[in-house]
Protein backbone atom coordinates (compact mmCIF):
# COMPACT_ATOMS: atom_id res chain seq x y z
CA MET A 1 74.38 92.40 98.38
CA SER A 2 76.34 89.61 96.71
CA THR A 3 78.54 87.26 98.71
CA GLU A 4 81.64 88.78 97.12
CA ASP A 5 80.51 92.30 98.05
CA TYR A 6 79.85 91.25 101.64
CA LEU A 7 83.23 89.56 101.96
CA ALA A 8 84.96 92.64 100.51
CA GLU A 9 83.10 94.88 102.96
CA THR A 10 84.10 92.63 105.88
CA LEU A 11 87.74 92.71 104.84
CA GLN A 12 87.55 96.50 104.60
CA ARG A 13 86.28 96.61 108.18
CA LEU A 14 89.15 94.34 109.21
CA GLU A 15 91.54 96.72 107.47
CA HIS A 16 90.27 99.53 109.70
CA PHE A 17 90.95 97.41 112.78
CA TYR A 18 94.49 96.76 111.61
CA ALA A 19 94.99 100.47 110.99
CA GLN A 20 94.20 101.02 114.67
CA MET A 21 96.54 98.21 115.73
CA ASP A 22 99.34 99.74 113.68
CA LYS A 23 99.94 102.34 116.40
CA SER A 24 101.19 99.52 118.63
CA THR A 25 103.68 98.01 116.19
CA GLY A 26 106.56 100.41 116.91
CA ASN A 27 108.38 103.04 114.92
CA LEU A 28 109.06 102.87 111.21
CA PHE A 29 112.10 104.33 109.52
CA PHE A 30 113.14 104.77 105.89
CA ARG A 31 116.44 103.05 105.26
CA ASN A 32 118.73 102.05 102.48
CA VAL A 33 118.07 98.42 101.47
CA GLY A 34 120.37 97.86 98.55
CA PRO A 35 119.63 100.08 95.57
CA TYR A 36 116.33 101.29 97.05
CA MET A 37 115.09 103.06 100.16
CA GLN A 38 112.42 101.07 101.97
CA PHE A 39 110.46 101.20 105.20
CA ARG A 40 111.59 98.94 108.03
CA HIS A 41 110.55 98.61 111.68
CA GLU A 42 112.78 99.75 114.49
CA THR A 43 111.98 96.75 116.70
CA LEU A 44 111.32 93.27 115.30
CA THR A 45 109.09 91.19 117.57
CA GLU A 46 106.81 88.16 117.40
CA SER A 47 103.82 90.49 117.93
CA LEU A 48 104.81 92.49 114.87
CA ALA A 49 105.19 89.28 112.86
CA CYS A 50 101.62 88.24 113.78
CA TYR A 51 100.33 91.67 112.79
CA LEU A 52 102.12 91.64 109.43
CA LYS A 53 100.87 88.14 108.66
CA GLY A 54 97.35 89.45 109.29
CA ILE A 55 97.99 92.39 106.97
CA LYS A 56 99.23 90.03 104.26
CA THR A 57 96.18 87.77 104.68
CA ILE A 58 93.77 90.67 104.19
CA SER A 59 95.51 91.54 100.92
CA THR A 60 95.55 87.91 99.80
CA LEU A 61 91.83 87.41 100.47
CA ASN A 62 91.00 90.67 98.71
CA ALA A 63 92.84 89.27 95.68
CA CYS A 64 90.80 86.06 96.00
CA ILE A 65 87.57 88.07 95.71
CA VAL A 66 88.80 89.87 92.59
CA LEU A 67 89.73 86.55 90.98
CA LEU A 68 86.45 84.92 91.98
CA ARG A 69 84.46 87.76 90.41
CA HIS A 70 86.15 86.85 87.13
CA GLY A 71 85.79 83.11 87.60
CA TYR A 72 89.41 82.12 88.25
CA ALA A 73 88.66 79.39 90.78
CA GLN A 74 91.99 77.57 90.42
CA GLU A 75 93.93 80.70 91.25
CA VAL A 76 91.67 81.37 94.23
CA GLY A 77 92.66 77.93 95.47
CA ALA A 78 96.36 78.76 95.23
CA LEU A 79 95.89 82.01 97.18
CA CYS A 80 93.78 80.24 99.79
CA ARG A 81 96.73 77.92 100.43
CA MET A 82 98.80 81.05 101.11
CA ALA A 83 96.13 82.47 103.43
CA ASP A 84 96.00 79.13 105.23
CA ASP A 85 99.75 79.26 105.85
CA PHE A 86 99.62 82.86 107.11
CA CYS A 87 96.87 82.12 109.65
CA ASN A 88 98.67 78.98 110.83
CA GLU A 89 101.82 81.04 111.34
CA ILE A 90 99.92 83.58 113.45
CA PHE A 91 98.70 80.78 115.71
CA PHE A 92 102.22 79.31 115.73
CA LEU A 93 103.61 82.53 117.26
CA LEU A 94 100.87 83.28 119.78
CA GLN A 95 102.40 81.51 122.76
CA PRO A 96 105.95 80.45 123.72
CA GLN A 97 106.31 76.71 123.16
CA GLY A 98 109.73 76.19 124.74
CA GLU A 99 110.83 75.44 128.28
CA ASN A 100 110.34 77.87 131.17
CA GLY A 101 107.98 80.07 129.16
CA ASN A 102 110.52 80.74 126.42
CA PHE A 103 110.08 80.52 122.69
CA SER A 104 111.05 77.17 121.19
CA ASN A 105 113.96 76.77 118.80
CA ASP A 106 111.46 76.40 115.95
CA GLN A 107 109.74 79.66 116.87
CA VAL A 108 113.04 81.50 117.16
CA ARG A 109 114.22 80.14 113.80
CA PHE A 110 110.90 81.07 112.18
CA LEU A 111 111.23 84.69 113.36
CA GLU A 112 114.85 84.91 112.25
CA ASN A 113 113.88 83.67 108.78
CA PHE A 114 110.86 85.96 108.63
CA TYR A 115 112.86 89.11 109.34
CA GLN A 116 115.87 88.14 107.24
CA GLU A 117 116.53 90.46 104.31
CA GLU A 118 116.37 88.79 100.93
CA PHE A 119 120.00 89.55 100.03
CA ASP A 120 122.99 90.22 102.28
CA LYS A 121 124.55 92.01 99.29
CA PRO A 122 121.54 93.83 97.82
CA ALA A 123 123.63 95.58 95.17
CA ASP A 124 124.94 92.20 93.97
CA PRO A 125 122.22 89.53 94.38
CA LEU A 126 124.19 86.86 92.52
CA ARG A 127 126.92 86.96 95.16
CA SER A 128 124.56 87.04 98.14
CA THR A 129 125.17 84.04 100.35
CA GLN A 130 122.36 83.67 102.88
CA LYS A 131 119.82 80.88 102.80
CA ARG A 132 116.48 80.54 104.54
CA GLU A 133 116.18 77.60 106.94
CA THR A 134 112.41 77.22 106.97
CA VAL A 135 110.53 75.55 109.81
CA ALA A 136 108.80 72.35 108.73
CA VAL A 137 105.07 72.80 108.16
CA LYS A 138 104.29 69.81 110.37
CA ARG A 139 105.93 71.58 113.32
CA ILE A 140 103.77 74.64 112.77
CA HIS A 141 100.71 72.40 112.58
CA ALA A 142 101.76 70.61 115.76
CA THR A 143 101.74 73.91 117.64
CA PHE A 144 98.22 74.64 116.43
CA GLY A 145 97.24 71.18 117.64
CA LYS A 146 98.36 72.11 121.15
CA LEU A 147 96.44 75.40 121.06
CA ALA A 148 93.28 73.62 119.89
CA ALA A 149 93.54 70.96 122.59
CA GLY A 150 90.46 72.32 124.35
CA GLU A 151 88.36 71.68 121.24
CA LEU A 152 90.12 68.82 119.46
CA ASN A 153 92.50 66.01 120.15
CA PRO A 154 95.89 67.56 119.20
CA SER A 155 96.67 64.78 116.71
CA ASP A 156 93.26 65.25 115.05
CA ALA A 157 93.79 69.01 114.80
CA GLN A 158 97.22 68.47 113.26
CA GLU A 159 95.84 65.92 110.81
CA LEU A 160 93.08 68.30 109.69
CA LEU A 161 95.65 70.99 108.93
CA ARG A 162 97.88 68.51 107.12
CA THR A 163 95.01 67.32 104.94
CA THR A 164 93.95 70.86 104.02
CA HIS A 165 97.54 71.89 103.32
CA GLN A 166 98.11 68.90 101.07
CA ALA A 167 94.81 69.27 99.20
CA PHE A 168 95.32 72.95 98.45
CA SER A 169 98.96 72.44 97.47
CA GLY A 170 97.66 70.91 94.27
CA TYR A 171 96.44 74.32 93.13
CA VAL A 172 99.87 75.80 93.75
CA HIS A 173 101.84 73.05 92.02
CA GLY A 174 99.36 72.20 89.27
CA ALA A 175 98.55 68.63 90.28
CA TYR A 176 96.63 66.51 87.78
CA PRO A 177 93.36 66.17 89.77
CA HIS A 178 93.28 69.92 90.35
CA ILE A 179 93.92 70.80 86.70
CA MET A 180 91.12 68.43 85.67
CA GLU A 181 88.68 70.51 87.73
CA MET A 182 89.00 73.01 84.86
CA CYS A 183 87.48 70.49 82.45
CA GLY A 184 83.72 70.45 81.95
CA GLY A 185 80.80 70.99 79.64
CA ASN A 186 79.29 69.04 76.75
CA PRO A 187 81.45 68.47 74.86
CA PRO A 188 84.04 68.82 77.63
CA ARG A 189 86.63 71.58 77.35
CA TYR A 190 89.22 73.26 79.55
CA HIS A 191 88.06 76.58 81.02
CA VAL A 192 91.27 78.63 80.88
CA SER A 193 89.61 82.07 80.83
CA GLY A 194 87.76 81.73 84.10
CA MET A 195 84.98 79.41 85.24
CA LEU A 196 81.99 81.72 85.63
CA HIS A 197 78.60 79.98 85.44
CA THR A 198 80.08 76.67 86.57
CA PRO A 199 79.56 74.88 89.93
CA ARG A 200 83.16 75.75 90.91
CA ILE A 201 82.24 79.37 91.65
CA GLU A 202 79.72 78.51 94.35
CA GLU A 203 82.17 76.01 95.85
CA TRP A 204 84.83 78.71 96.21
CA ARG A 205 82.37 81.25 97.58
CA GLY A 206 81.88 78.83 100.46
CA GLN A 207 85.62 78.37 100.87
CA LEU A 208 86.25 82.13 101.02
CA ILE A 209 83.59 82.56 103.69
CA GLY A 210 85.53 80.07 105.82
CA TYR A 211 88.84 81.83 105.22
CA VAL A 212 87.50 85.28 106.11
CA GLN A 213 85.95 83.78 109.24
CA ARG A 214 89.28 82.24 110.21
CA LEU A 215 91.10 85.54 109.65
CA ILE A 216 88.68 87.36 111.95
CA ILE A 217 89.34 84.76 114.65
CA ALA A 218 93.10 85.11 114.17
CA SER A 219 92.78 88.90 114.30
CA VAL A 220 91.25 88.74 117.78
CA PHE A 221 94.46 87.06 118.93
CA VAL A 222 96.63 89.51 116.98
CA ALA A 223 95.01 92.40 118.86
CA ARG A 224 95.59 90.59 122.15
CA LYS A 225 99.19 89.84 121.21
CA LEU A 226 99.82 93.54 120.53
CA GLY A 227 98.17 94.51 123.80
CA VAL A 228 95.36 96.39 122.03
CA THR A 229 92.75 94.80 124.26
CA ASP A 230 90.09 97.42 123.56
CA LEU A 231 89.75 95.99 120.03
CA GLU A 232 89.06 92.43 121.15
CA ALA A 233 85.36 92.96 121.90
CA PRO A 234 84.63 94.82 118.61
CA LEU A 235 86.45 92.09 116.67
CA ARG A 236 84.43 89.40 118.43
CA SER A 237 81.27 91.34 117.59
CA LEU A 238 82.34 91.41 113.95
CA LEU A 239 82.89 87.64 114.10
CA GLU A 240 79.40 87.04 115.55
CA GLU A 241 77.84 89.33 112.95
CA PHE A 242 79.75 87.61 110.14
CA GLU A 243 78.81 84.11 111.29
CA LYS A 244 75.15 85.07 111.58
CA ALA A 245 75.11 86.70 108.12
CA THR A 246 76.84 83.74 106.46
CA GLY A 247 75.16 80.96 108.43
CA THR A 248 78.45 79.72 109.87
CA GLU A 249 77.64 79.89 113.58
CA PRO A 250 79.11 76.80 115.27
CA VAL A 251 76.27 74.39 116.11
CA LEU A 252 78.49 71.68 117.60
CA LYS A 253 81.91 71.71 119.20
CA ALA A 254 84.71 70.91 116.79
CA SER A 255 85.41 67.65 118.64
CA ASP A 256 81.76 66.57 118.26
CA LEU A 257 81.77 67.38 114.54
CA LEU A 258 84.93 65.36 114.03
CA ALA A 259 83.52 62.44 116.04
CA LYS A 260 80.45 62.39 113.77
CA TYR A 261 82.70 62.47 110.70
CA LYS A 262 84.83 59.58 111.97
CA LYS A 263 81.74 57.51 112.79
CA LYS A 264 80.24 58.14 109.35
CA HIS A 265 83.47 57.18 107.55
CA ALA A 266 84.50 54.31 109.80
CA PRO A 267 85.74 51.26 107.86
């Protein structure tokens, strides 16, 4: 079985887990949203937001596999940036970060923005007035740093996320160094119809393995957040199976790995 086939199969198994979790997300109803009827949830919660971010990540990573099969490495990079954001947002909502066990202002604002309809006047988008007040990415990363405190220094965890976010943003915005990754061969040319049979494909296979692994980890917490505790053990089993099959079992603690990196790259 190819790496792409195995990743697709793993995502399909995750999809089945999410189908089981769906029973705990509350009632759906079909309502008028502007000129169209659309499904909406009866109760909008942080648990539902985590679940929907997981759903979106499965779809995004499935799209990555399709693109990789056809060699579109640059576009895989752009979607991986999206998947990175979705997983970070799941972790951001897992625990209240405010005083007295309450959600922080940033978490509250994030949820309000997430559930906000696109237009307050759906029949007349040009005269719609609302704006989205997004939560700064660094604040979302800071929350992850607190959650990872048992494994990493919070500032190191935040810096790792910042570096990844910045590096992958180049695929979204078309930065010069990222575009030049499309150039290769003898004589050199720009590969604008996919990059099959180039070293980029193997690089992105490795990246996708890491993203699917991260989604499985996040999904364990999504199940816990929804109170579907009977799915936690099967999801952890899937994670162990995936890490064994892909050779990604953690050998060292994250803090030890980072310490080795810092020592190696010390000025």
